């Protein structure tokens, strides 16, 4: 299973999915995709689960994700080369990305549960698909 493809299909706005699927499939375009993560605007807000300000630290976020069914490990897609394209323990991955002003997705359950950290203040979301695919065009 390709975590990045499932992430795009599940959590990106329908009008941008095909573009991003093409970007992650093409090694020459992947760098552009990763650079967009700093100020990423293609997430579908219907999937956002806000994180209370008092719980926006790695341990609390890990606890929230675990309660939602996240396993111990996750797949990391990140602007940071040493993290990108790796499977890591969720707790370690969160410590590496939370508050560092980088762009990163942590795919916990492909197509169902993920975490996004962007560079801008307040750009920190749990992404969750509760009831199957969202309606909308895929291209």
N, C-alpha and C. Protein backbone atom coordinates (compact mmCIF):
# COMPACT_ATOMS: atom_id res chain seq x y z
N UNK A 1 0.85 -1.18 0.00
CA UNK A 1 0.00 0.00 0.00
C UNK A 1 0.89 1.24 0.00
N UNK A 2 0.55 2.20 -0.82
CA UNK A 2 1.30 3.44 -0.89
C UNK A 2 0.66 4.47 0.03
N UNK A 3 1.35 4.77 1.13
CA UNK A 3 0.82 5.72 2.11
C UNK A 3 0.53 7.08 1.49
N UNK A 4 1.41 7.56 0.64
CA UNK A 4 1.23 8.89 0.08
C UNK A 4 0.02 8.96 -0.85
N UNK A 5 -0.16 7.95 -1.67
CA UNK A 5 -1.33 7.92 -2.55
C UNK A 5 -2.62 7.89 -1.73
N UNK A 6 -2.65 7.06 -0.70
CA UNK A 6 -3.83 6.98 0.15
C UNK A 6 -4.08 8.30 0.88
N UNK A 7 -3.03 8.96 1.31
CA UNK A 7 -3.13 10.26 1.97
C UNK A 7 -3.78 11.28 1.04
N UNK A 8 -3.30 11.33 -0.19
CA UNK A 8 -3.83 12.28 -1.17
C UNK A 8 -5.29 11.98 -1.48
N UNK A 9 -5.60 10.73 -1.73
CA UNK A 9 -6.98 10.35 -2.06
C UNK A 9 -7.94 10.65 -0.92
N UNK A 10 -7.48 10.52 0.30
CA UNK A 10 -8.36 10.67 1.46
C UNK A 10 -8.48 12.10 1.97
N UNK A 11 -7.40 12.88 1.93
CA UNK A 11 -7.38 14.14 2.67
C UNK A 11 -7.16 15.40 1.84
N UNK A 12 -6.94 15.27 0.54
CA UNK A 12 -6.73 16.46 -0.29
C UNK A 12 -8.05 16.86 -0.94
N UNK A 13 -8.20 18.15 -1.23
CA UNK A 13 -9.41 18.59 -1.90
C UNK A 13 -9.52 17.88 -3.24
N UNK A 14 -10.72 17.52 -3.63
CA UNK A 14 -10.90 16.72 -4.86
C UNK A 14 -10.28 17.35 -6.10
N UNK A 15 -10.33 18.66 -6.23
CA UNK A 15 -9.81 19.31 -7.44
C UNK A 15 -8.29 19.26 -7.55
N UNK A 16 -7.59 18.90 -6.49
CA UNK A 16 -6.12 18.87 -6.50
C UNK A 16 -5.54 17.45 -6.46
N UNK A 17 -6.37 16.46 -6.28
CA UNK A 17 -5.87 15.09 -6.08
C UNK A 17 -5.02 14.58 -7.24
N UNK A 18 -5.53 14.69 -8.46
CA UNK A 18 -4.79 14.16 -9.61
C UNK A 18 -3.43 14.82 -9.74
N UNK A 19 -3.38 16.12 -9.54
CA UNK A 19 -2.12 16.86 -9.63
C UNK A 19 -1.10 16.32 -8.63
N UNK A 20 -1.52 16.14 -7.40
CA UNK A 20 -0.60 15.67 -6.37
C UNK A 20 -0.25 14.19 -6.52
N UNK A 21 -1.18 13.39 -7.00
CA UNK A 21 -0.86 11.99 -7.27
C UNK A 21 0.23 11.90 -8.33
N UNK A 22 0.14 12.75 -9.34
CA UNK A 22 1.17 12.79 -10.38
C UNK A 22 2.51 13.24 -9.79
N UNK A 23 2.48 14.22 -8.90
CA UNK A 23 3.72 14.74 -8.32
C UNK A 23 4.44 13.69 -7.48
N UNK A 24 3.71 12.94 -6.66
CA UNK A 24 4.39 11.95 -5.81
C UNK A 24 4.83 10.72 -6.60
N UNK A 25 4.19 10.47 -7.73
CA UNK A 25 4.57 9.32 -8.56
C UNK A 25 5.80 9.61 -9.42
N UNK A 26 6.10 10.88 -9.64
CA UNK A 26 7.19 11.26 -10.52
C UNK A 26 8.35 11.81 -9.68
N UNK A 27 9.47 11.09 -9.62
CA UNK A 27 10.60 11.54 -8.79
C UNK A 27 11.07 12.96 -9.10
N UNK A 28 10.93 13.39 -10.34
CA UNK A 28 11.35 14.75 -10.71
C UNK A 28 10.42 15.82 -10.15
N UNK A 29 9.16 15.45 -9.91
CA UNK A 29 8.18 16.42 -9.39
C UNK A 29 8.02 16.32 -7.87
N UNK A 30 8.54 15.27 -7.28
CA UNK A 30 8.36 15.05 -5.84
C UNK A 30 8.92 16.20 -5.01
N UNK A 31 10.06 16.73 -5.37
CA UNK A 31 10.67 17.83 -4.62
C UNK A 31 9.73 19.04 -4.57
N UNK A 32 9.07 19.33 -5.69
CA UNK A 32 8.10 20.43 -5.72
C UNK A 32 6.95 20.16 -4.74
N UNK A 33 6.47 18.92 -4.74
CA UNK A 33 5.42 18.54 -3.79
C UNK A 33 5.88 18.77 -2.35
N UNK A 34 7.07 18.30 -2.02
CA UNK A 34 7.58 18.46 -0.66
C UNK A 34 7.73 19.93 -0.29
N UNK A 35 8.21 20.75 -1.21
CA UNK A 35 8.37 22.17 -0.92
C UNK A 35 7.03 22.86 -0.65
N UNK A 36 5.97 22.36 -1.25
CA UNK A 36 4.64 22.94 -1.02
C UNK A 36 4.12 22.64 0.38
N UNK A 37 4.68 21.67 1.06
CA UNK A 37 4.19 21.30 2.39
C UNK A 37 4.39 22.41 3.42
N UNK A 38 5.34 23.29 3.21
CA UNK A 38 5.56 24.37 4.17
C UNK A 38 4.31 25.23 4.35
N UNK A 39 3.65 25.54 3.25
CA UNK A 39 2.46 26.41 3.27
C UNK A 39 1.34 25.71 2.51
N UNK A 40 1.02 24.51 2.92
CA UNK A 40 0.12 23.65 2.16
C UNK A 40 -1.33 24.09 2.31
N UNK A 41 -2.01 24.22 1.17
CA UNK A 41 -3.40 24.69 1.16
C UNK A 41 -4.37 23.73 0.49
N UNK A 42 -3.95 22.52 0.18
CA UNK A 42 -4.82 21.59 -0.56
C UNK A 42 -5.49 20.54 0.32
N UNK A 43 -5.44 20.71 1.63
CA UNK A 43 -6.12 19.76 2.51
C UNK A 43 -7.62 20.03 2.53
N UNK A 44 -8.38 18.97 2.58
CA UNK A 44 -9.83 19.09 2.64
C UNK A 44 -10.25 19.38 4.08
N UNK A 45 -10.80 20.57 4.33
CA UNK A 45 -11.15 20.93 5.71
C UNK A 45 -12.21 20.03 6.35
N UNK A 46 -12.91 19.26 5.54
CA UNK A 46 -13.90 18.33 6.11
C UNK A 46 -13.24 17.22 6.90
N UNK A 47 -11.93 17.06 6.73
CA UNK A 47 -11.20 16.00 7.43
C UNK A 47 -10.46 16.50 8.67
N UNK A 48 -10.49 17.81 8.89
CA UNK A 48 -9.73 18.38 10.01
C UNK A 48 -10.33 18.02 11.36
N UNK A 49 -9.47 17.63 12.27
CA UNK A 49 -9.83 17.46 13.67
C UNK A 49 -8.90 18.41 14.42
N UNK A 50 -9.49 19.41 15.04
CA UNK A 50 -8.64 20.39 15.73
C UNK A 50 -8.02 19.77 16.98
N UNK A 51 -6.88 20.31 17.32
CA UNK A 51 -6.15 19.87 18.51
C UNK A 51 -6.20 21.02 19.50
N UNK A 52 -6.79 20.82 20.67
CA UNK A 52 -6.86 21.91 21.65
C UNK A 52 -5.46 22.49 21.92
N UNK A 53 -5.35 23.81 22.05
CA UNK A 53 -4.04 24.44 22.27
C UNK A 53 -3.24 23.81 23.41
N UNK A 54 -3.92 23.39 24.47
CA UNK A 54 -3.22 22.81 25.62
C UNK A 54 -2.69 21.40 25.33
N UNK A 55 -3.06 20.82 24.18
CA UNK A 55 -2.64 19.47 23.85
C UNK A 55 -1.75 19.42 22.60
N UNK A 56 -1.16 20.54 22.24
CA UNK A 56 -0.37 20.58 21.01
C UNK A 56 1.11 20.33 21.27
N UNK A 57 1.39 19.25 21.95
CA UNK A 57 2.76 18.80 22.14
C UNK A 57 2.82 17.33 21.69
N UNK A 58 4.02 16.83 21.39
CA UNK A 58 4.10 15.47 20.82
C UNK A 58 3.41 14.38 21.64
N UNK A 59 3.55 14.41 22.95
CA UNK A 59 2.95 13.36 23.78
C UNK A 59 1.43 13.39 23.73
N UNK A 60 0.86 14.60 23.82
CA UNK A 60 -0.61 14.72 23.80
C UNK A 60 -1.18 14.35 22.43
N UNK A 61 -0.49 14.77 21.37
CA UNK A 61 -0.95 14.44 20.02
C UNK A 61 -0.88 12.93 19.81
N UNK A 62 0.19 12.31 20.27
CA UNK A 62 0.31 10.85 20.18
C UNK A 62 -0.85 10.17 20.91
N UNK A 63 -1.20 10.69 22.06
CA UNK A 63 -2.30 10.13 22.84
C UNK A 63 -3.62 10.23 22.08
N UNK A 64 -3.88 11.39 21.47
CA UNK A 64 -5.11 11.58 20.70
C UNK A 64 -5.15 10.60 19.53
N UNK A 65 -4.04 10.51 18.79
CA UNK A 65 -3.99 9.61 17.64
C UNK A 65 -4.16 8.15 18.05
N UNK A 66 -3.53 7.76 19.14
CA UNK A 66 -3.64 6.39 19.64
C UNK A 66 -5.08 6.06 20.02
N UNK A 67 -5.76 7.01 20.66
CA UNK A 67 -7.17 6.80 21.02
C UNK A 67 -8.05 6.65 19.79
N UNK A 68 -7.61 7.20 18.67
CA UNK A 68 -8.36 7.08 17.42
C UNK A 68 -7.95 5.84 16.63
N UNK A 69 -7.05 5.04 17.19
CA UNK A 69 -6.69 3.77 16.57
C UNK A 69 -5.33 3.72 15.91
N UNK A 70 -4.52 4.78 16.01
CA UNK A 70 -3.20 4.79 15.38
C UNK A 70 -2.31 3.69 15.97
N UNK A 71 -1.59 2.99 15.11
CA UNK A 71 -0.63 1.99 15.60
C UNK A 71 0.63 2.67 16.13
N UNK A 72 1.58 1.89 16.57
CA UNK A 72 2.82 2.43 17.14
C UNK A 72 3.70 3.13 16.11
N UNK A 73 3.59 2.72 14.84
CA UNK A 73 4.43 3.32 13.81
C UNK A 73 3.60 4.06 12.77
N UNK A 74 4.26 4.94 12.02
CA UNK A 74 3.60 5.73 10.98
C UNK A 74 4.57 5.92 9.82
N UNK A 75 4.04 6.35 8.69
CA UNK A 75 4.84 6.66 7.51
C UNK A 75 5.01 8.17 7.45
N UNK A 76 6.23 8.63 7.26
CA UNK A 76 6.53 10.07 7.26
C UNK A 76 6.79 10.57 5.84
N UNK A 77 6.11 11.64 5.49
CA UNK A 77 6.37 12.40 4.27
C UNK A 77 6.73 13.79 4.75
N UNK A 78 7.93 14.26 4.47
CA UNK A 78 8.40 15.50 5.09
C UNK A 78 9.35 16.29 4.20
N UNK A 79 9.38 17.59 4.45
CA UNK A 79 10.34 18.47 3.79
C UNK A 79 11.75 18.20 4.27
N UNK A 80 11.89 17.54 5.41
CA UNK A 80 13.20 17.21 5.96
C UNK A 80 13.65 15.86 5.39
N UNK A 81 14.74 15.89 4.62
CA UNK A 81 15.20 14.69 3.91
C UNK A 81 15.47 13.51 4.84
N UNK A 82 15.99 13.77 6.05
CA UNK A 82 16.31 12.66 6.95
C UNK A 82 15.06 11.97 7.51
N UNK A 83 13.90 12.59 7.36
CA UNK A 83 12.64 12.00 7.84
C UNK A 83 11.80 11.43 6.70
N UNK A 84 11.91 12.02 5.53
CA UNK A 84 11.02 11.72 4.42
C UNK A 84 11.14 10.28 3.93
N UNK A 85 9.96 9.69 3.69
CA UNK A 85 9.91 8.36 3.10
C UNK A 85 10.32 7.25 4.03
N UNK A 86 10.09 7.45 5.32
CA UNK A 86 10.49 6.44 6.30
C UNK A 86 9.33 6.05 7.20
N UNK A 87 9.39 4.81 7.64
CA UNK A 87 8.47 4.37 8.68
C UNK A 87 9.18 4.61 10.01
N UNK A 88 8.46 5.23 10.94
CA UNK A 88 9.04 5.56 12.25
C UNK A 88 8.02 5.28 13.34
N UNK A 89 8.52 5.14 14.55
CA UNK A 89 7.60 5.10 15.69
C UNK A 89 6.85 6.43 15.73
N UNK A 90 5.56 6.37 15.96
CA UNK A 90 4.74 7.57 15.98
C UNK A 90 5.27 8.59 16.99
N UNK A 91 5.59 8.14 18.18
CA UNK A 91 6.07 9.06 19.22
C UNK A 91 7.35 9.77 18.79
N UNK A 92 8.26 9.05 18.16
CA UNK A 92 9.52 9.64 17.69
C UNK A 92 9.27 10.62 16.54
N UNK A 93 8.41 10.22 15.60
CA UNK A 93 8.09 11.09 14.46
C UNK A 93 7.47 12.40 14.94
N UNK A 94 6.56 12.33 15.89
CA UNK A 94 5.94 13.55 16.41
C UNK A 94 6.97 14.45 17.08
N UNK A 95 7.90 13.86 17.82
CA UNK A 95 8.95 14.67 18.45
C UNK A 95 9.83 15.35 17.40
N UNK A 96 9.98 14.72 16.25
CA UNK A 96 10.80 15.28 15.18
C UNK A 96 10.11 16.41 14.42
N UNK A 97 8.76 16.42 14.38
CA UNK A 97 8.08 17.42 13.55
C UNK A 97 7.32 18.50 14.30
N UNK A 98 6.76 18.19 15.45
CA UNK A 98 5.91 19.17 16.15
C UNK A 98 6.74 20.38 16.59
N UNK A 99 6.30 21.54 16.13
CA UNK A 99 6.92 22.80 16.53
C UNK A 99 8.19 23.16 15.78
N UNK A 100 8.58 22.37 14.79
CA UNK A 100 9.84 22.64 14.08
C UNK A 100 9.67 23.50 12.84
N UNK A 101 8.45 23.90 12.52
CA UNK A 101 8.16 24.73 11.35
C UNK A 101 8.66 24.09 10.06
N UNK A 102 8.33 22.83 9.91
CA UNK A 102 8.60 22.10 8.68
C UNK A 102 7.26 21.63 8.14
N UNK A 103 7.24 21.10 6.96
CA UNK A 103 6.03 20.51 6.43
C UNK A 103 6.14 19.00 6.55
N UNK A 104 5.11 18.37 7.13
CA UNK A 104 5.17 16.92 7.30
C UNK A 104 3.79 16.31 7.42
N UNK A 105 3.66 15.13 6.85
CA UNK A 105 2.50 14.27 7.06
C UNK A 105 2.99 13.02 7.77
N UNK A 106 2.23 12.59 8.76
CA UNK A 106 2.47 11.30 9.40
C UNK A 106 1.23 10.47 9.10
N UNK A 107 1.38 9.46 8.27
CA UNK A 107 0.26 8.59 7.90
C UNK A 107 0.19 7.46 8.91
N UNK A 108 -0.86 7.46 9.70
CA UNK A 108 -1.03 6.46 10.76
C UNK A 108 -1.80 5.24 10.26
N UNK A 109 -2.97 5.48 9.72
CA UNK A 109 -3.79 4.44 9.11
C UNK A 109 -4.06 4.93 7.69
N UNK A 110 -3.45 4.32 6.69
CA UNK A 110 -3.56 4.84 5.32
C UNK A 110 -5.00 5.12 4.90
N UNK A 111 -5.23 6.35 4.48
CA UNK A 111 -6.55 6.76 4.01
C UNK A 111 -7.57 6.99 5.09
N UNK A 112 -7.17 6.84 6.34
CA UNK A 112 -8.14 6.99 7.44
C UNK A 112 -7.69 7.95 8.54
N UNK A 113 -6.41 7.94 8.89
CA UNK A 113 -5.94 8.74 10.01
C UNK A 113 -4.51 9.22 9.75
N UNK A 114 -4.31 10.52 9.89
CA UNK A 114 -2.98 11.09 9.65
C UNK A 114 -2.82 12.34 10.51
N UNK A 115 -1.62 12.87 10.50
CA UNK A 115 -1.29 14.11 11.19
C UNK A 115 -0.57 15.00 10.20
N UNK A 116 -0.88 16.30 10.21
CA UNK A 116 -0.20 17.27 9.36
C UNK A 116 0.38 18.39 10.21
N UNK A 117 1.62 18.73 9.92
CA UNK A 117 2.30 19.85 10.57
C UNK A 117 2.83 20.74 9.45
N UNK A 118 2.41 22.00 9.45
CA UNK A 118 2.91 22.96 8.47
C UNK A 118 3.81 23.98 9.15
N UNK A 119 4.33 24.88 8.34
CA UNK A 119 5.26 25.87 8.85
C UNK A 119 4.56 27.02 9.57
N UNK A 120 3.36 27.36 9.15
CA UNK A 120 2.66 28.52 9.70
C UNK A 120 2.04 28.21 11.07
N UNK A 121 1.93 29.24 11.85
CA UNK A 121 1.32 29.11 13.18
C UNK A 121 -0.11 28.57 13.04
N UNK A 122 -0.44 27.61 13.85
CA UNK A 122 -1.77 27.02 13.82
C UNK A 122 -1.97 25.99 12.72
N UNK A 123 -0.91 25.69 11.97
CA UNK A 123 -1.00 24.73 10.88
C UNK A 123 -0.65 23.34 11.40
N UNK A 124 -1.51 22.84 12.25
CA UNK A 124 -1.29 21.56 12.93
C UNK A 124 -2.65 20.89 13.04
N UNK A 125 -2.81 19.75 12.34
CA UNK A 125 -4.11 19.10 12.28
C UNK A 125 -3.99 17.59 12.36
N UNK A 126 -4.98 16.99 13.00
CA UNK A 126 -5.22 15.57 12.84
C UNK A 126 -6.18 15.48 11.67
N UNK A 127 -5.92 14.56 10.77
CA UNK A 127 -6.77 14.35 9.60
C UNK A 127 -7.44 12.99 9.77
N UNK A 128 -8.77 12.99 9.67
CA UNK A 128 -9.50 11.76 9.91
C UNK A 128 -10.64 11.61 8.92
N UNK A 129 -10.74 10.41 8.34
CA UNK A 129 -11.87 10.06 7.49
C UNK A 129 -12.76 9.14 8.31
N UNK A 130 -13.96 9.58 8.56
CA UNK A 130 -14.84 8.83 9.44
C UNK A 130 -15.76 7.86 8.70
N UNK A 131 -16.28 8.27 7.55
CA UNK A 131 -17.32 7.46 6.88
C UNK A 131 -17.05 7.30 5.39
N UNK A 132 -16.03 6.58 5.02
CA UNK A 132 -15.77 6.31 3.60
C UNK A 132 -15.30 7.52 2.84
N UNK A 133 -15.27 7.42 1.51
CA UNK A 133 -14.74 8.48 0.69
C UNK A 133 -15.66 9.71 0.70
N UNK A 134 -15.04 10.87 0.60
CA UNK A 134 -15.80 12.11 0.51
C UNK A 134 -16.30 12.27 -0.91
N UNK A 135 -17.42 12.89 -1.05
CA UNK A 135 -17.97 13.12 -2.38
C UNK A 135 -17.18 14.22 -3.06
N UNK A 136 -17.07 14.15 -4.37
CA UNK A 136 -16.37 15.18 -5.13
C UNK A 136 -15.57 14.57 -6.25
N UNK A 137 -15.22 15.43 -7.16
CA UNK A 137 -14.39 14.98 -8.30
C UNK A 137 -13.02 14.56 -7.83
N UNK A 138 -12.43 13.66 -8.56
CA UNK A 138 -11.08 13.21 -8.21
C UNK A 138 -10.03 13.92 -9.06
N UNK A 139 -10.39 14.73 -9.99
CA UNK A 139 -9.41 15.35 -10.85
C UNK A 139 -9.53 16.79 -11.02
